[in-house]
Protein backbone atom coordinates (compact mmCIF):
# COMPACT_ATOMS: atom_id res chain seq x y z
CA UNK A 1 0.08 -0.09 0.01
CA UNK A 2 1.54 3.42 -0.96
CA UNK A 3 2.25 5.91 1.73
CA UNK A 4 0.75 9.39 1.43
CA UNK A 5 2.91 12.02 0.36
CA UNK A 6 4.61 13.98 3.14
CA UNK A 7 3.31 17.60 2.20
CA UNK A 8 4.91 18.98 5.33
CA UNK A 9 8.30 18.06 4.36
CA UNK A 10 7.94 19.17 0.75
CA UNK A 11 6.58 22.53 1.71
CA UNK A 12 9.85 23.10 3.72
CA UNK A 13 12.40 22.11 0.81
CA UNK A 14 10.09 24.53 -1.42
CA UNK A 15 10.70 27.40 0.97
CA UNK A 16 14.55 26.39 1.45
CA UNK A 17 15.00 26.43 -2.35
CA UNK A 18 13.11 29.46 -2.67
CA UNK A 19 15.46 31.16 0.01
CA UNK A 20 18.52 30.00 -1.82
CA UNK A 21 17.40 31.58 -4.96
CA UNK A 22 16.57 34.67 -3.16
CA UNK A 23 20.00 34.84 -1.71
CA UNK A 24 21.65 34.17 -4.83
CA UNK A 25 19.74 36.64 -6.72
CA UNK A 26 20.43 39.25 -3.85
CA UNK A 27 24.25 38.60 -4.02
CA UNK A 28 24.24 39.01 -7.51
CA UNK A 29 22.40 42.25 -7.56
CA UNK A 30 24.63 43.49 -4.70
CA UNK A 31 27.62 42.89 -6.82
CA UNK A 32 26.22 44.58 -9.74
CA UNK A 33 25.21 47.49 -7.78
CA UNK A 34 28.65 47.60 -6.01
CA UNK A 35 30.55 47.52 -9.55
CA UNK A 36 28.02 49.88 -11.00
CA UNK A 37 28.55 52.27 -8.15
CA UNK A 38 32.65 52.02 -8.36
CA UNK A 39 32.14 52.36 -12.74
CA UNK A 40 30.13 55.38 -11.85
CA UNK A 41 32.44 57.35 -9.61
CA UNK A 42 35.34 56.77 -11.92
CA UNK A 43 35.92 59.45 -14.48
CA UNK A 44 36.11 58.30 -17.99
CA UNK A 45 37.66 59.55 -21.23
CA UNK A 46 36.81 58.48 -24.80
CA UNK A 47 39.51 59.09 -27.16
CA UNK A 48 37.46 58.43 -30.26
CA UNK A 49 39.79 59.32 -33.37
CA UNK A 50 41.85 61.82 -31.70
CA UNK A 51 44.64 59.51 -30.91
CA UNK A 52 45.40 59.68 -34.69
CA UNK A 53 47.53 57.19 -36.82
CA UNK A 54 48.44 54.86 -33.71
CA UNK A 55 51.38 52.44 -33.54
CA UNK A 56 51.14 48.87 -34.50
CA UNK A 57 50.06 46.60 -31.74
CA UNK A 58 52.88 44.09 -32.38
CA UNK A 59 52.24 41.75 -29.55
CA UNK A 60 48.47 41.11 -28.97
CA UNK A 61 49.16 38.75 -26.09
CA UNK A 62 50.94 41.66 -23.90
CA UNK A 63 49.29 44.81 -22.75
CA UNK A 64 50.54 48.39 -22.03
CA UNK A 65 48.75 50.58 -19.70
CA UNK A 66 49.69 54.35 -19.37
CA UNK A 67 49.53 55.40 -15.89
CA UNK A 68 49.83 59.04 -14.38
CA UNK A 69 49.60 60.79 -11.39
CA UNK A 70 47.54 64.00 -11.23
CA UNK A 71 48.95 66.85 -9.17
CA UNK A 72 45.41 68.54 -9.41
CA UNK A 73 43.97 70.07 -6.34
CA UNK A 74 40.33 69.66 -7.68
CA UNK A 75 38.03 67.79 -5.12
CA UNK A 76 40.40 68.61 -2.15
CA UNK A 77 38.87 70.96 0.45
CA UNK A 78 40.99 73.27 2.79
CA UNK A 79 41.73 70.59 5.47
CA UNK A 80 42.88 67.89 2.69
CA UNK A 81 44.99 70.41 1.30
CA UNK A 82 46.73 71.15 4.41
CA UNK A 83 47.41 67.44 5.55
CA UNK A 84 48.62 66.38 2.14
CA UNK A 85 50.79 69.78 1.86
CA UNK A 86 49.86 70.35 -1.54
CA UNK A 87 49.05 74.36 -1.23
CA UNK A 88 46.11 75.90 -3.18
CA UNK A 89 47.87 75.73 -6.53
CA UNK A 90 45.45 75.37 -9.35
CA UNK A 91 47.69 73.40 -11.64
CA UNK A 92 46.58 70.26 -13.34
CA UNK A 93 49.76 68.76 -14.28
CA UNK A 94 51.22 65.21 -13.93
CA UNK A 95 53.84 64.37 -11.11
CA UNK A 96 54.11 60.89 -12.60
CA UNK A 97 54.02 59.19 -15.64
CA UNK A 98 54.61 55.43 -16.14
CA UNK A 99 53.98 53.13 -19.00
CA UNK A 100 53.25 49.58 -17.25
CA UNK A 101 53.83 46.60 -19.64
CA UNK A 102 52.26 43.21 -18.72
CA UNK A 103 54.27 40.41 -20.91
CA UNK A 104 51.97 37.54 -21.99
CA UNK A 105 50.27 35.45 -19.08
CA UNK A 106 51.27 38.43 -16.75
CA UNK A 107 54.32 36.80 -15.39
CA UNK A 108 56.41 39.60 -15.98
CA UNK A 109 55.84 43.43 -15.38
CA UNK A 110 58.02 46.25 -16.47
CA UNK A 111 57.37 49.69 -15.31
CA UNK A 112 59.03 52.52 -17.37
CA UNK A 113 59.15 55.96 -15.91
CA UNK A 114 59.12 59.15 -18.12
CA UNK A 115 60.56 61.98 -16.34
CA UNK A 116 58.00 64.78 -16.08
CA UNK A 117 60.75 67.44 -17.46
CA UNK A 118 60.99 65.48 -20.80
CA UNK A 119 60.54 68.04 -23.71
CA UNK A 120 58.40 66.64 -26.29
CA UNK A 121 57.22 67.96 -29.77
CA UNK A 122 53.84 69.83 -29.80
CA UNK A 123 51.27 67.68 -31.25
CA UNK A 124 47.53 68.50 -31.95
CA UNK A 125 45.21 68.12 -29.09
CA UNK A 126 41.49 68.75 -28.87
CA UNK A 127 39.97 71.38 -26.47
CA UNK A 128 37.01 70.38 -24.30
CA UNK A 129 36.15 69.61 -20.68
CA UNK A 130 37.86 72.69 -19.50
CA UNK A 131 40.95 71.92 -21.64
CA UNK A 132 42.19 74.64 -23.97
CA UNK A 133 43.72 72.19 -26.46
CA UNK A 134 46.75 72.71 -28.77
CA UNK A 135 47.73 73.28 -32.25
CA UNK A 136 50.29 71.04 -34.00
CA UNK A 137 53.79 72.90 -34.26
CA UNK A 138 56.77 70.52 -35.09
CA UNK A 139 59.17 73.39 -34.38
CA UNK A 140 57.65 73.84 -30.87
CA UNK A 141 58.58 71.66 -27.84
CA UNK A 142 56.44 71.22 -24.46
CA UNK A 143 57.34 69.86 -21.12
CA UNK A 144 55.44 66.49 -21.04
CA UNK A 145 53.97 67.03 -17.70
CA UNK A 146 51.91 69.98 -19.24
CA UNK A 147 50.03 68.09 -21.70
CA UNK A 148 47.12 67.27 -19.16
CA UNK A 149 46.31 70.87 -18.55
CA UNK A 150 46.72 71.54 -22.48
CA UNK A 151 44.53 68.90 -23.71
CA UNK A 152 43.59 66.23 -20.90
CA UNK A 153 44.37 62.62 -20.69
CA UNK A 154 43.99 62.08 -24.28
CA UNK A 155 46.55 64.42 -25.37
CA UNK A 156 49.12 62.84 -22.89
CA UNK A 157 47.93 59.52 -24.49
CA UNK A 158 48.82 60.41 -27.94
CA UNK A 159 51.62 62.11 -27.27
CA UNK A 160 53.09 59.28 -25.56
CA UNK A 161 52.11 56.85 -28.39
CA UNK A 162 53.79 59.09 -31.12
CA UNK A 163 56.99 59.48 -29.08
CA UNK A 164 57.46 56.00 -28.08
CA UNK A 165 55.93 54.06 -30.73
CA UNK A 166 54.41 51.91 -28.01
CA UNK A 167 50.82 50.99 -28.54
CA UNK A 168 48.75 51.92 -25.29
CA UNK A 169 45.88 49.64 -24.35
CA UNK A 170 44.51 51.55 -21.51
CA UNK A 171 45.08 54.70 -19.54
CA UNK A 172 44.78 55.14 -15.78
CA UNK A 173 45.27 58.41 -13.93
CA UNK A 174 45.23 58.75 -10.26
CA UNK A 175 44.86 61.71 -7.97
CA UNK A 176 46.72 62.54 -4.74
CA UNK A 177 44.19 61.58 -2.40
CA UNK A 178 43.37 58.38 -4.43
CA UNK A 179 47.21 57.48 -3.99
CA UNK A 180 46.96 58.05 -0.30
CA UNK A 181 43.67 55.74 -0.01
CA UNK A 182 45.36 53.02 -1.95
CA UNK A 183 48.59 53.17 0.14
CA UNK A 184 46.54 53.11 3.27
CA UNK A 185 44.26 50.16 1.97
CA UNK A 186 47.49 48.14 1.37
CA UNK A 187 48.59 48.50 5.03
CA UNK A 188 51.25 51.21 4.30
CA UNK A 189 54.86 50.84 2.86
CA UNK A 190 58.48 50.53 3.80
CA UNK A 191 60.94 53.30 3.01
CA UNK A 192 64.58 53.86 4.03
CA UNK A 193 66.24 57.35 4.35
CA UNK A 194 70.00 57.45 4.80
CA UNK A 195 69.64 60.65 7.01
CA UNK A 196 67.03 62.87 8.92
CA UNK A 197 64.68 64.32 6.34
CA UNK A 198 62.40 67.22 6.79
CA UNK A 199 61.07 68.94 3.70
CA UNK A 200 58.63 71.64 4.42
CA UNK A 201 57.38 71.56 0.80
CA UNK A 202 56.10 68.20 0.42
CA UNK A 203 55.62 67.59 4.39
CA UNK A 204 57.99 64.56 4.60
CA UNK A 205 59.62 64.45 7.95
CA UNK A 206 61.39 61.38 8.75
CA UNK A 207 64.72 60.13 10.83
CA UNK A 208 67.39 58.12 9.21
CA UNK A 209 66.77 54.48 8.74
CA UNK A 210 63.71 52.36 7.85
CA UNK A 211 60.22 53.34 8.45
CA UNK A 212 56.58 51.89 7.77
CA UNK A 213 54.80 54.86 6.58
CA UNK A 214 50.97 55.65 5.84
CA UNK A 215 49.27 56.91 2.80
CA UNK A 216 49.71 60.71 3.73
CA UNK A 217 53.34 60.00 4.51
CA UNK A 218 53.89 58.01 1.32
CA UNK A 219 52.45 60.70 -0.72
CA UNK A 220 55.06 63.33 0.72
CA UNK A 221 57.85 60.85 0.09
CA UNK A 222 56.71 60.24 -3.45
CA UNK A 223 56.52 64.08 -4.21
CA UNK A 224 59.86 65.05 -2.23
CA UNK A 225 62.22 66.63 -4.82
CA UNK A 226 63.47 70.07 -3.33
CA UNK A 227 66.19 70.20 -0.76
CA UNK A 228 67.23 66.53 -1.26
CA UNK A 229 70.20 65.17 -3.48
CA UNK A 230 70.43 67.29 -6.66
CA UNK A 231 66.67 68.39 -6.43
CA UNK A 232 66.17 66.48 -9.82
CA UNK A 233 63.18 64.59 -10.76
CA UNK A 234 65.41 61.94 -12.23
CA UNK A 235 66.46 61.12 -8.51
CA UNK A 236 62.92 61.60 -7.39
CA UNK A 237 62.14 58.74 -9.80
CA UNK A 238 64.64 56.73 -8.65
CA UNK A 239 63.49 57.00 -4.95
CA UNK A 240 59.98 56.32 -5.88
CA UNK A 241 61.08 53.28 -7.75
CA UNK A 242 62.47 51.79 -4.73
CA UNK A 243 59.32 52.66 -2.59
CA UNK A 244 57.34 50.96 -5.50
CA UNK A 245 59.62 47.86 -5.02
CA UNK A 246 58.49 47.71 -1.27
CA UNK A 247 54.76 47.89 -2.45
CA UNK A 248 54.95 45.30 -4.60
CA UNK A 249 56.63 43.05 -2.20
CA UNK A 250 53.88 43.98 0.52
CA UNK A 251 51.26 43.36 -2.16
CA UNK A 252 52.44 40.03 -3.03
CA UNK A 253 52.99 38.89 0.47
CA UNK A 254 49.54 39.89 1.63
CA UNK A 255 47.32 37.65 -0.46
CA UNK A 256 45.56 40.85 -1.68
CA UNK A 257 45.62 39.64 -5.27
CA UNK A 258 43.97 36.15 -4.56
CA UNK A 259 41.06 38.20 -2.73
CA UNK A 260 38.78 39.73 -5.30
CA UNK A 261 36.77 41.24 -2.50
CA UNK A 262 39.63 43.05 -0.91
CA UNK A 263 40.81 44.05 -4.49
CA UNK A 264 37.19 45.39 -5.04
CA UNK A 265 37.30 47.40 -1.74
CA UNK A 266 40.81 48.98 -2.73
CA UNK A 267 39.36 50.14 -6.10
CA UNK A 268 36.37 51.30 -4.48
CA UNK A 269 38.13 53.68 -2.03
CA UNK A 270 40.10 54.93 -4.90
CA UNK A 271 37.52 55.17 -7.75
CA UNK A 272 36.53 58.82 -7.19
CA UNK A 273 40.08 59.98 -7.68
CA UNK A 274 40.68 57.60 -10.97
CA UNK A 275 40.30 58.50 -14.51
CA UNK A 276 40.38 55.88 -16.96
CA UNK A 277 39.57 55.30 -20.89
CA UNK A 278 36.14 54.25 -21.47
CA UNK A 279 37.00 50.79 -22.85
CA UNK A 280 38.28 50.08 -19.02
CA UNK A 281 35.76 48.42 -16.77
CA UNK A 282 35.72 47.59 -12.96
CA UNK A 283 36.30 43.96 -13.87
CA UNK A 284 39.11 44.72 -15.93
CA UNK A 285 40.65 46.51 -13.12
CA UNK A 286 39.86 43.77 -10.55
CA UNK A 287 40.98 41.26 -13.39
CA UNK A 288 44.53 42.57 -13.81
CA UNK A 289 45.05 42.54 -10.03
CA UNK A 290 43.97 38.73 -9.92
CA UNK A 291 46.22 37.73 -12.83
CA UNK A 292 49.32 39.04 -10.86
CA UNK A 293 48.78 36.81 -7.93
CA UNK A 294 51.49 34.29 -9.03
CA UNK A 295 54.03 37.05 -9.95
CA UNK A 296 57.26 37.08 -8.39
CA UNK A 297 59.03 40.34 -7.05
CA UNK A 298 62.08 39.29 -9.00
CA UNK A 299 60.18 39.55 -12.29
CA UNK A 300 58.81 43.19 -11.62
CA UNK A 301 61.35 45.69 -12.93
CA UNK A 302 61.58 49.34 -12.76
CA UNK A 303 63.43 51.58 -15.27
CA UNK A 304 63.55 55.05 -16.54
CA UNK A 305 63.35 56.14 -20.31
CA UNK A 306 66.84 56.89 -21.39
CA UNK A 307 67.31 60.55 -21.23
CA UNK A 308 69.70 63.44 -21.43
CA UNK A 309 70.00 67.13 -20.81
CA UNK A 310 67.86 69.12 -23.36
CA UNK A 311 70.35 71.68 -24.97
CA UNK A 312 68.34 74.85 -24.58
CA UNK A 313 68.04 74.17 -20.87
CA UNK A 314 70.16 71.62 -19.88
CA UNK A 315 70.05 72.35 -16.04
CA UNK A 316 66.24 71.96 -15.68
CA UNK A 317 64.82 69.86 -18.94
CA UNK A 318 65.54 66.51 -20.34
CA UNK A 319 64.82 64.96 -23.84
CA UNK A 320 65.13 61.32 -24.90
CA UNK A 321 68.66 59.91 -25.62
CA UNK A 322 68.91 58.16 -28.86
CA UNK A 323 69.45 55.37 -29.90
CA UNK A 324 69.22 54.08 -26.32
CA UNK A 325 65.55 55.20 -25.92
CA UNK A 326 63.92 54.15 -29.23
CA UNK A 327 65.76 50.56 -28.54
CA UNK A 328 64.12 50.32 -25.01
CA UNK A 329 60.84 51.49 -26.55
CA UNK A 330 61.14 48.94 -29.13
CA UNK A 331 61.44 46.14 -26.66
CA UNK A 332 58.66 47.17 -24.73
CA UNK A 333 56.56 47.26 -27.83
CA UNK A 334 57.59 44.13 -29.08
CA UNK A 335 58.01 42.36 -25.73
CA UNK A 336 61.39 41.24 -26.62
CA UNK A 337 65.08 42.16 -25.20
CA UNK A 338 67.10 44.98 -26.07
CA UNK A 339 69.37 43.94 -28.83
CA UNK A 340 72.98 43.58 -27.86
CA UNK A 341 75.24 45.80 -30.02
CA UNK A 342 77.84 43.30 -31.50
CA UNK A 343 80.89 44.28 -33.45
CA UNK A 344 81.42 42.62 -37.01
CA UNK A 345 84.63 43.13 -38.80
CA UNK A 346 84.41 44.97 -42.20
CA UNK A 347 86.19 43.35 -45.19
CA UNK A 348 89.77 43.78 -45.01
CA UNK A 349 92.79 42.78 -46.98
CA UNK A 350 94.42 39.36 -46.26
CA UNK A 351 96.55 39.35 -43.16
CA UNK A 352 94.89 42.40 -41.66
CA UNK A 353 93.69 41.87 -38.11
CA UNK A 354 90.06 40.81 -37.98
CA UNK A 355 89.27 41.53 -34.57
CA UNK A 356 88.85 44.92 -33.33
CA UNK A 357 90.89 44.79 -29.94
CA UNK A 358 93.88 46.66 -28.19
CA UNK A 359 96.36 45.87 -25.56
CA UNK A 360 95.14 45.67 -21.93
CA UNK A 361 97.41 48.49 -20.70
CA UNK A 362 95.35 50.77 -23.18
CA UNK A 363 92.14 49.89 -21.53
CA UNK A 364 91.17 52.13 -18.62
CA UNK A 365 88.40 50.51 -16.73
CA UNK A 366 86.27 51.57 -13.71
CA UNK A 367 84.89 48.62 -11.86
CA UNK A 368 81.43 49.02 -10.14
CA UNK A 369 79.76 46.63 -7.82
CA UNK A 370 76.40 45.99 -9.19
CA UNK A 371 75.30 43.17 -6.99
CA UNK A 372 75.84 44.16 -3.52
CA UNK A 373 78.15 41.39 -2.82
CA UNK A 374 81.22 42.35 -0.37
CA UNK A 375 84.30 42.91 -2.07
CA UNK A 376 83.48 41.97 -5.64
CA UNK A 377 84.70 44.97 -7.36
CA UNK A 378 87.92 44.98 -5.54
CA UNK A 379 88.35 41.41 -6.40
CA UNK A 380 88.00 41.96 -10.07
CA UNK A 381 90.13 44.91 -10.03
CA UNK A 382 92.96 43.07 -8.56
CA UNK A 383 92.50 40.56 -11.30
CA UNK A 384 92.46 42.99 -14.23
CA UNK A 385 95.44 44.96 -12.62
CA UNK A 386 97.53 41.55 -12.77
CA UNK A 387 96.55 41.19 -16.28
CA UNK A 388 97.90 44.33 -17.51
CA UNK A 389 94.52 46.65 -17.36
CA UNK A 390 94.51 50.15 -16.31
CA UNK A 391 92.05 50.03 -13.38
CA UNK A 392 91.16 53.71 -12.84
CA UNK A 393 89.21 52.82 -9.75
CA UNK A 394 86.32 50.88 -7.90
CA UNK A 395 83.00 51.87 -6.21
CA UNK A 396 79.08 50.92 -6.21
CA UNK A 397 76.93 50.86 -9.20
CA UNK A 398 73.66 53.14 -8.93
CA UNK A 399 71.86 50.09 -7.53
CA UNK A 400 72.41 46.51 -6.70
CA UNK A 401 70.00 44.85 -9.04
CA UNK A 402 72.39 43.59 -11.71
CA UNK A 403 72.37 40.04 -12.54
CA UNK A 404 74.34 39.72 -15.63
CA UNK A 405 77.39 41.86 -15.66
CA UNK A 406 77.77 45.04 -17.88
CA UNK A 407 80.39 46.92 -19.82
CA UNK A 408 79.19 50.43 -20.53
CA UNK A 409 81.20 52.72 -22.94
CA UNK A 410 80.73 56.06 -24.51
CA UNK A 411 81.17 55.49 -28.14
CA UNK A 412 82.32 53.30 -30.74
CA UNK A 413 85.83 54.89 -30.46
CA UNK A 414 85.68 52.53 -27.31
CA UNK A 415 84.92 49.30 -28.93
CA UNK A 416 88.32 48.06 -28.99
CA UNK A 417 88.61 48.48 -25.28
CA UNK A 418 85.11 46.70 -24.77
CA UNK A 419 86.28 43.80 -26.65
CA UNK A 420 89.48 43.29 -25.00
CA UNK A 421 87.79 43.54 -21.72
CA UNK A 422 85.02 40.98 -22.72
CA UNK A 423 87.63 38.39 -23.11
CA UNK A 424 88.08 38.35 -19.53
CA UNK A 425 84.58 37.47 -18.62
CA UNK A 426 82.48 34.47 -19.10
CA UNK A 427 79.07 36.25 -19.44
CA UNK A 428 79.08 40.05 -19.84
CA UNK A 429 76.88 42.38 -21.89
CA UNK A 430 78.01 45.83 -23.53
CA UNK A 431 75.93 48.93 -23.74
CA UNK A 432 76.54 52.22 -25.06
CA UNK A 433 75.96 55.21 -22.69
CA UNK A 434 76.86 58.73 -23.63
CA UNK A 435 77.17 59.56 -19.89
CA UNK A 436 80.42 57.38 -19.65
CA UNK A 437 83.66 59.22 -19.73
CA UNK A 438 85.17 58.74 -23.18
CA UNK A 439 88.23 56.74 -23.23
CA UNK A 440 87.14 54.88 -20.21
CA UNK A 441 84.83 51.88 -19.94
CA UNK A 442 82.79 50.88 -16.94
CA UNK A 443 82.42 47.26 -15.76
CA UNK A 444 79.45 46.87 -13.77
CA UNK A 445 79.49 43.46 -12.01
CA UNK A 446 76.15 41.46 -11.52
CA UNK A 447 75.26 38.80 -9.12
CA UNK A 448 76.30 35.95 -11.72
CA UNK A 449 79.89 37.01 -11.50
CA UNK A 450 82.09 34.43 -10.09
CA UNK A 451 85.71 35.66 -11.26
CA UNK A 452 87.75 36.41 -14.35
CA UNK A 453 88.18 33.73 -16.89
CA UNK A 454 90.62 31.18 -16.33
CA UNK A 455 92.67 31.95 -19.81
CA UNK A 456 92.69 35.82 -19.64
CA UNK A 457 93.08 35.87 -23.50
CA UNK A 458 93.39 39.40 -23.64
CA UNK A 459 96.55 39.45 -21.41
CA UNK A 460 98.63 37.91 -23.99
CA UNK A 461 97.48 40.74 -26.65
CA UNK A 462 100.29 42.84 -27.84
CA UNK A 463 99.74 46.71 -28.85
CA UNK A 464 100.13 45.50 -32.41
CA UNK A 465 97.11 43.59 -31.83
CA UNK A 466 94.74 46.20 -32.32
CA UNK A 467 92.69 46.65 -35.57
CA UNK A 468 94.59 47.54 -38.54
CA UNK A 469 94.52 50.79 -40.55
CA UNK A 470 91.82 48.98 -42.85
CA UNK A 471 89.71 47.76 -39.93
CA UNK A 472 86.43 49.27 -38.49
CA UNK A 473 83.49 48.52 -36.22
CA UNK A 474 80.23 48.01 -37.86
CA UNK A 475 77.64 47.47 -35.05
CA UNK A 476 74.82 45.14 -36.07
CA UNK A 477 72.46 47.15 -34.23
CA UNK A 478 73.51 50.60 -35.35
CA UNK A 479 71.59 54.01 -34.69
CA UNK A 480 70.03 54.24 -37.98
CA UNK A 481 68.54 50.57 -37.45
CA UNK A 482 67.10 51.29 -33.87
CA UNK A 483 63.33 52.27 -33.62
CA UNK A 484 62.51 55.11 -36.03
CA UNK A 485 59.63 57.29 -34.63
CA UNK A 486 59.49 54.99 -31.63
CA UNK A 487 59.74 51.36 -32.90
CA UNK A 488 60.67 50.44 -36.22
CA UNK A 489 63.69 48.35 -35.09
CA UNK A 490 63.26 44.46 -34.79
CA UNK A 491 65.13 43.24 -31.74
CA UNK A 492 65.72 39.47 -31.41
CA UNK A 493 63.90 37.41 -28.56
CA UNK A 494 66.43 36.83 -25.77
CA UNK A 495 68.25 33.26 -26.09
CA UNK A 496 66.76 32.26 -23.00
CA UNK A 497 63.04 32.67 -24.14
CA UNK A 498 62.19 35.08 -21.48
CA UNK A 499 60.65 38.44 -22.55
CA UNK A 500 61.98 41.70 -21.68
CA UNK A 501 63.59 40.80 -18.49
CA UNK A 502 67.02 42.44 -19.27
CA UNK A 503 65.96 46.03 -19.29
CA UNK A 504 66.33 46.71 -15.81
CA UNK A 505 70.11 45.58 -15.52
CA UNK A 506 70.86 47.19 -18.80
CA UNK A 507 69.31 50.62 -18.05
CA UNK A 508 70.01 51.31 -14.59
CA UNK A 509 66.90 50.13 -13.13
CA UNK A 510 65.73 47.70 -10.47
CA UNK A 511 63.60 44.88 -9.56
CA UNK A 512 60.97 44.63 -6.88
CA UNK A 513 63.35 42.22 -5.06
CA UNK A 514 65.58 45.39 -4.33
CA UNK A 515 66.15 46.02 -0.81
CA UNK A 516 64.66 48.87 0.98
CA UNK A 517 68.27 50.47 1.97
CA UNK A 518 70.15 49.95 -1.27
CA UNK A 519 68.99 53.35 -2.90
CA UNK A 520 71.43 55.60 -0.96
CA UNK A 521 72.54 56.90 -4.39
CA UNK A 522 69.12 58.59 -4.89
CA UNK A 523 69.61 60.87 -2.12
CA UNK A 524 73.31 61.88 -3.12
CA UNK A 525 73.87 65.50 -4.00
CA UNK A 526 74.66 69.00 -2.60
CA UNK A 527 71.11 69.58 -1.35
CA UNK A 528 71.51 66.68 1.14
CA UNK A 529 73.01 66.84 4.62
């Protein structure tokens, strides 16, 4: 005999099912409302066709985001201006300009700073939204940090693309109070100063040593420029890169990137002070953070775009240094390594020397410690001296982030010395740098340096072994073959298969693995105690 149905139990199950549906729908609606709330509070710009003819997107699997810090006081009341030491200046310039490059899979990140004092050609930028715009004038130059006030974020976007040849996927701007909010949400950041700092302009007041600072102090640190070191923007960038390295290590160690709700909370706090392009959604911002959760600090590198003094105003302005800048831009655009300059002998009569070298006694070399290992520069200097090289001195490199050793030289006139010195090392890269004293080469020792080669081939070279009258150097990556108008060169992928992970060590940058206390050179100068 069949039992009667237990209507009471079924009734309860129906209510439970209905309750689950209500909870799920409610959670979905709450998430939508939250995302919509964040989306609506972010300022958005639509570039439309204003960007003009854009650079090719060479690597669709990678991504480049233009990030800038806005020094506008808009939205800050008198109390906020006071605590942030901003003053009531009505400027709308960029304190910071960076291209953040994500390699395919987001396993490597390269952050390239563009100095705010960089002079660039004046491109046409539309007016609107309170911006006067500017007319194109190929004979006029403007300071890159003024573009925000002239034509808004799109003007900055257009100029950076045209000057670097790097295709920009998205743009993100953040105001001063937004920076404070983000640092506070991250729990603060560690910074180190080699002496007591009390800068009334930025409000930075720290004693010598390591400190864990809050958002307001971090903003002061980020903006400090006057009365420290040389007072230059280049040193400020160097200090900020070391602080950024500590932020990266803190974020990677906190588990933040594995927690989308925490990520959303951070974005929510900063949203009212953020500007993005109309193509970037809240989900995109959260997705970028989540995609980096397996990133290692050693795979995040910070560099500054190669630059040199701008001739009309060498004490205060800079311009991109060529061909180095175009080579770096091209490497980022293509997600490839910077091409190494190799010397190939030109055609020469039979019996003429085919290798451009010279006697070790003709090679003036300064040996620098680029890894931080104790005694490494002195060790190499003694070895080179014993082999006949003219060692002019030893010291520390600008930072201790070098892995592979690098020989830096001024011009092709020094290539014979470079090649002779290369023979003493098992693994070394050469890099032309116009700041190096002509006639002297600099050997920067990386962490993989274990000693000079056993054979010491250059020690046996005689003065007569230098290139004969008919021989000359012909670099395979000459200035004329580097990226014209930003990125026309085609550098080769690195032999190891990694993407652009050599940019920092070849361009005086650092990785996020750098220690807090290794940036003393960023404070050095006549304005420091």
